[in-house]
């Protein structure tokens, strides 16, 4: 997939006090969404907005486009 995370989302959230337990308990993210973070799968725009709010950043700080054709050269 040409869109990839630039950061480890769960590690960055944990660094500011949001453990996976807290994320589930406070119903910020469900287990399925956290599994997507672990696997590097892209989440929907709503979840991306929550990440940006919690980390006080922009979507471009979290994700990047990588041209797959150039990486295969």
N, C-alpha and C. Protein backbone atom coordinates (compact mmCIF):
# COMPACT_ATOMS: atom_id res chain seq x y z
N UNK A 1 0.85 -1.18 0.00
CA UNK A 1 0.00 0.00 0.00
C UNK A 1 0.89 1.24 0.00
N UNK A 2 0.57 2.22 -0.80
CA UNK A 2 1.45 3.39 -0.93
C UNK A 2 1.37 4.38 0.24
N UNK A 3 0.37 4.27 1.11
CA UNK A 3 0.28 5.13 2.28
C UNK A 3 0.79 4.34 3.48
N UNK A 4 1.76 4.92 4.19
CA UNK A 4 2.35 4.24 5.35
C UNK A 4 2.44 5.19 6.53
N UNK A 5 2.52 4.61 7.72
CA UNK A 5 2.72 5.40 8.93
C UNK A 5 4.18 5.84 9.01
N UNK A 6 4.39 7.07 9.39
CA UNK A 6 5.74 7.59 9.61
C UNK A 6 6.19 7.31 11.04
N UNK A 7 5.22 7.06 11.92
CA UNK A 7 5.50 6.86 13.34
C UNK A 7 4.85 5.57 13.81
N UNK A 8 5.27 5.10 14.95
CA UNK A 8 4.59 4.00 15.61
C UNK A 8 3.50 4.65 16.46
N UNK A 9 2.27 4.59 15.98
CA UNK A 9 1.16 5.30 16.61
C UNK A 9 0.99 4.90 18.07
N UNK A 10 0.94 3.61 18.35
CA UNK A 10 0.72 3.17 19.72
C UNK A 10 1.87 3.58 20.65
N UNK A 11 3.09 3.55 20.16
CA UNK A 11 4.23 3.96 20.99
C UNK A 11 4.17 5.45 21.29
N UNK A 12 3.79 6.24 20.29
CA UNK A 12 3.68 7.69 20.50
C UNK A 12 2.56 8.02 21.48
N UNK A 13 1.44 7.31 21.37
CA UNK A 13 0.34 7.53 22.31
C UNK A 13 0.74 7.10 23.72
N UNK A 14 1.45 6.00 23.83
CA UNK A 14 1.90 5.53 25.13
C UNK A 14 2.85 6.54 25.78
N UNK A 15 3.68 7.18 24.96
CA UNK A 15 4.64 8.16 25.48
C UNK A 15 3.95 9.36 26.12
N UNK A 16 2.71 9.63 25.70
CA UNK A 16 1.98 10.77 26.30
C UNK A 16 0.91 10.30 27.28
N UNK A 17 0.99 9.02 27.68
CA UNK A 17 0.12 8.52 28.74
C UNK A 17 -1.09 7.72 28.30
N UNK A 18 -1.18 7.38 27.03
CA UNK A 18 -2.31 6.60 26.55
C UNK A 18 -1.88 5.16 26.26
N UNK A 19 -1.95 4.31 27.28
CA UNK A 19 -1.63 2.89 27.10
C UNK A 19 -2.76 2.24 26.32
N UNK A 20 -2.51 1.05 25.79
CA UNK A 20 -3.57 0.36 25.06
C UNK A 20 -4.75 0.06 25.99
N UNK A 21 -4.47 -0.20 27.25
CA UNK A 21 -5.54 -0.42 28.24
C UNK A 21 -6.39 0.84 28.36
N UNK A 22 -5.77 1.99 28.49
CA UNK A 22 -6.51 3.25 28.63
C UNK A 22 -7.30 3.56 27.36
N UNK A 23 -6.70 3.31 26.20
CA UNK A 23 -7.39 3.57 24.94
C UNK A 23 -8.66 2.73 24.82
N UNK A 24 -8.60 1.48 25.27
CA UNK A 24 -9.79 0.62 25.25
C UNK A 24 -10.78 1.02 26.34
N UNK A 25 -10.29 1.22 27.55
CA UNK A 25 -11.16 1.52 28.69
C UNK A 25 -11.95 2.81 28.47
N UNK A 26 -11.29 3.83 27.95
CA UNK A 26 -11.95 5.12 27.71
C UNK A 26 -12.66 5.15 26.36
N UNK A 27 -12.67 4.02 25.67
CA UNK A 27 -13.35 3.86 24.38
C UNK A 27 -12.89 4.89 23.35
N UNK A 28 -11.58 5.13 23.36
CA UNK A 28 -10.99 6.03 22.37
C UNK A 28 -10.81 5.26 21.06
N UNK A 29 -10.26 4.05 21.16
CA UNK A 29 -10.12 3.15 20.03
C UNK A 29 -10.53 1.76 20.45
N UNK A 30 -11.12 1.02 19.53
CA UNK A 30 -11.46 -0.37 19.78
C UNK A 30 -10.26 -1.26 19.50
N UNK A 31 -10.39 -2.51 19.87
CA UNK A 31 -9.31 -3.48 19.67
C UNK A 31 -8.99 -3.64 18.19
N UNK A 32 -9.99 -3.63 17.33
CA UNK A 32 -9.75 -3.79 15.89
C UNK A 32 -8.88 -2.66 15.36
N UNK A 33 -9.15 -1.44 15.79
CA UNK A 33 -8.36 -0.30 15.34
C UNK A 33 -6.92 -0.42 15.84
N UNK A 34 -6.75 -0.83 17.07
CA UNK A 34 -5.39 -0.98 17.59
C UNK A 34 -4.64 -2.10 16.87
N UNK A 35 -5.34 -3.15 16.47
CA UNK A 35 -4.71 -4.20 15.68
C UNK A 35 -4.25 -3.65 14.34
N UNK A 36 -5.03 -2.76 13.76
CA UNK A 36 -4.63 -2.13 12.50
C UNK A 36 -3.35 -1.33 12.70
N UNK A 37 -3.25 -0.59 13.80
CA UNK A 37 -2.02 0.16 14.09
C UNK A 37 -0.84 -0.79 14.18
N UNK A 38 -1.02 -1.90 14.89
CA UNK A 38 0.07 -2.87 15.07
C UNK A 38 0.52 -3.48 13.74
N UNK A 39 -0.42 -3.70 12.83
CA UNK A 39 -0.11 -4.32 11.54
C UNK A 39 0.31 -3.30 10.48
N UNK A 40 0.23 -2.01 10.82
CA UNK A 40 0.58 -0.99 9.85
C UNK A 40 -0.52 -0.72 8.84
N UNK A 41 -1.73 -1.18 9.13
CA UNK A 41 -2.86 -0.95 8.24
C UNK A 41 -3.42 0.45 8.48
N UNK A 42 -3.91 1.06 7.43
CA UNK A 42 -4.43 2.42 7.53
C UNK A 42 -5.83 2.41 8.13
N UNK A 43 -6.08 3.36 9.03
CA UNK A 43 -7.38 3.49 9.67
C UNK A 43 -8.20 4.55 8.95
N UNK A 44 -9.46 4.68 9.32
CA UNK A 44 -10.33 5.64 8.65
C UNK A 44 -10.01 7.07 9.10
N UNK A 45 -10.62 8.03 8.42
CA UNK A 45 -10.35 9.45 8.68
C UNK A 45 -10.75 9.87 10.08
N UNK A 46 -11.81 9.30 10.60
CA UNK A 46 -12.26 9.63 11.96
C UNK A 46 -11.20 9.24 12.99
N UNK A 47 -10.64 8.05 12.85
CA UNK A 47 -9.59 7.61 13.77
C UNK A 47 -8.32 8.42 13.59
N UNK A 48 -8.02 8.78 12.35
CA UNK A 48 -6.85 9.62 12.09
C UNK A 48 -7.02 10.98 12.76
N UNK A 49 -8.23 11.51 12.75
CA UNK A 49 -8.50 12.79 13.41
C UNK A 49 -8.27 12.68 14.92
N UNK A 50 -8.66 11.56 15.51
CA UNK A 50 -8.44 11.35 16.95
C UNK A 50 -6.95 11.29 17.25
N UNK A 51 -6.19 10.58 16.42
CA UNK A 51 -4.74 10.50 16.60
C UNK A 51 -4.15 11.90 16.57
N UNK A 52 -4.54 12.69 15.58
CA UNK A 52 -4.00 14.04 15.43
C UNK A 52 -4.36 14.92 16.63
N UNK A 53 -5.58 14.76 17.13
CA UNK A 53 -6.00 15.54 18.31
C UNK A 53 -5.17 15.16 19.53
N UNK A 54 -5.02 13.86 19.78
CA UNK A 54 -4.28 13.41 20.96
C UNK A 54 -2.80 13.77 20.88
N UNK A 55 -2.22 13.64 19.69
CA UNK A 55 -0.79 13.91 19.53
C UNK A 55 -0.50 15.37 19.16
N UNK A 56 -1.57 16.16 18.99
CA UNK A 56 -1.42 17.57 18.62
C UNK A 56 -0.54 17.71 17.37
N UNK A 57 -0.98 17.04 16.30
CA UNK A 57 -0.20 17.04 15.06
C UNK A 57 -1.13 17.08 13.85
N UNK A 58 -0.57 17.05 12.67
CA UNK A 58 -1.30 17.03 11.42
C UNK A 58 -1.20 15.63 10.80
N UNK A 59 -2.16 15.26 9.92
CA UNK A 59 -2.11 13.93 9.31
C UNK A 59 -0.77 13.64 8.62
N UNK A 60 -0.16 14.65 8.03
CA UNK A 60 1.13 14.46 7.37
C UNK A 60 2.26 14.13 8.33
N UNK A 61 2.06 14.41 9.61
CA UNK A 61 3.06 14.04 10.62
C UNK A 61 2.96 12.56 10.98
N UNK A 62 1.81 11.96 10.66
CA UNK A 62 1.54 10.57 11.03
C UNK A 62 1.72 9.62 9.85
N UNK A 63 1.34 10.08 8.65
CA UNK A 63 1.37 9.22 7.46
C UNK A 63 2.14 9.87 6.33
N UNK A 64 2.55 9.01 5.38
CA UNK A 64 3.25 9.52 4.22
C UNK A 64 2.92 8.64 3.01
N UNK A 65 3.04 9.23 1.84
CA UNK A 65 2.88 8.50 0.59
C UNK A 65 4.24 8.01 0.14
N UNK A 66 4.34 6.73 -0.18
CA UNK A 66 5.57 6.14 -0.68
C UNK A 66 5.27 5.52 -2.03
N UNK A 67 5.90 6.03 -3.06
CA UNK A 67 5.69 5.51 -4.41
C UNK A 67 6.27 4.11 -4.50
N UNK A 68 5.39 3.13 -4.64
CA UNK A 68 5.84 1.73 -4.66
C UNK A 68 6.71 1.43 -5.87
N UNK A 69 6.49 2.11 -6.98
CA UNK A 69 7.31 1.89 -8.17
C UNK A 69 8.76 2.27 -7.92
N UNK A 70 9.00 3.36 -7.19
CA UNK A 70 10.35 3.81 -6.91
C UNK A 70 11.06 2.91 -5.90
N UNK A 71 10.30 2.31 -4.98
CA UNK A 71 10.93 1.45 -3.98
C UNK A 71 11.31 0.10 -4.57
N UNK A 72 10.73 -0.27 -5.70
CA UNK A 72 11.03 -1.56 -6.33
C UNK A 72 12.17 -1.47 -7.35
N UNK A 73 12.72 -0.30 -7.54
CA UNK A 73 13.80 -0.12 -8.54
C UNK A 73 15.11 -0.62 -7.99
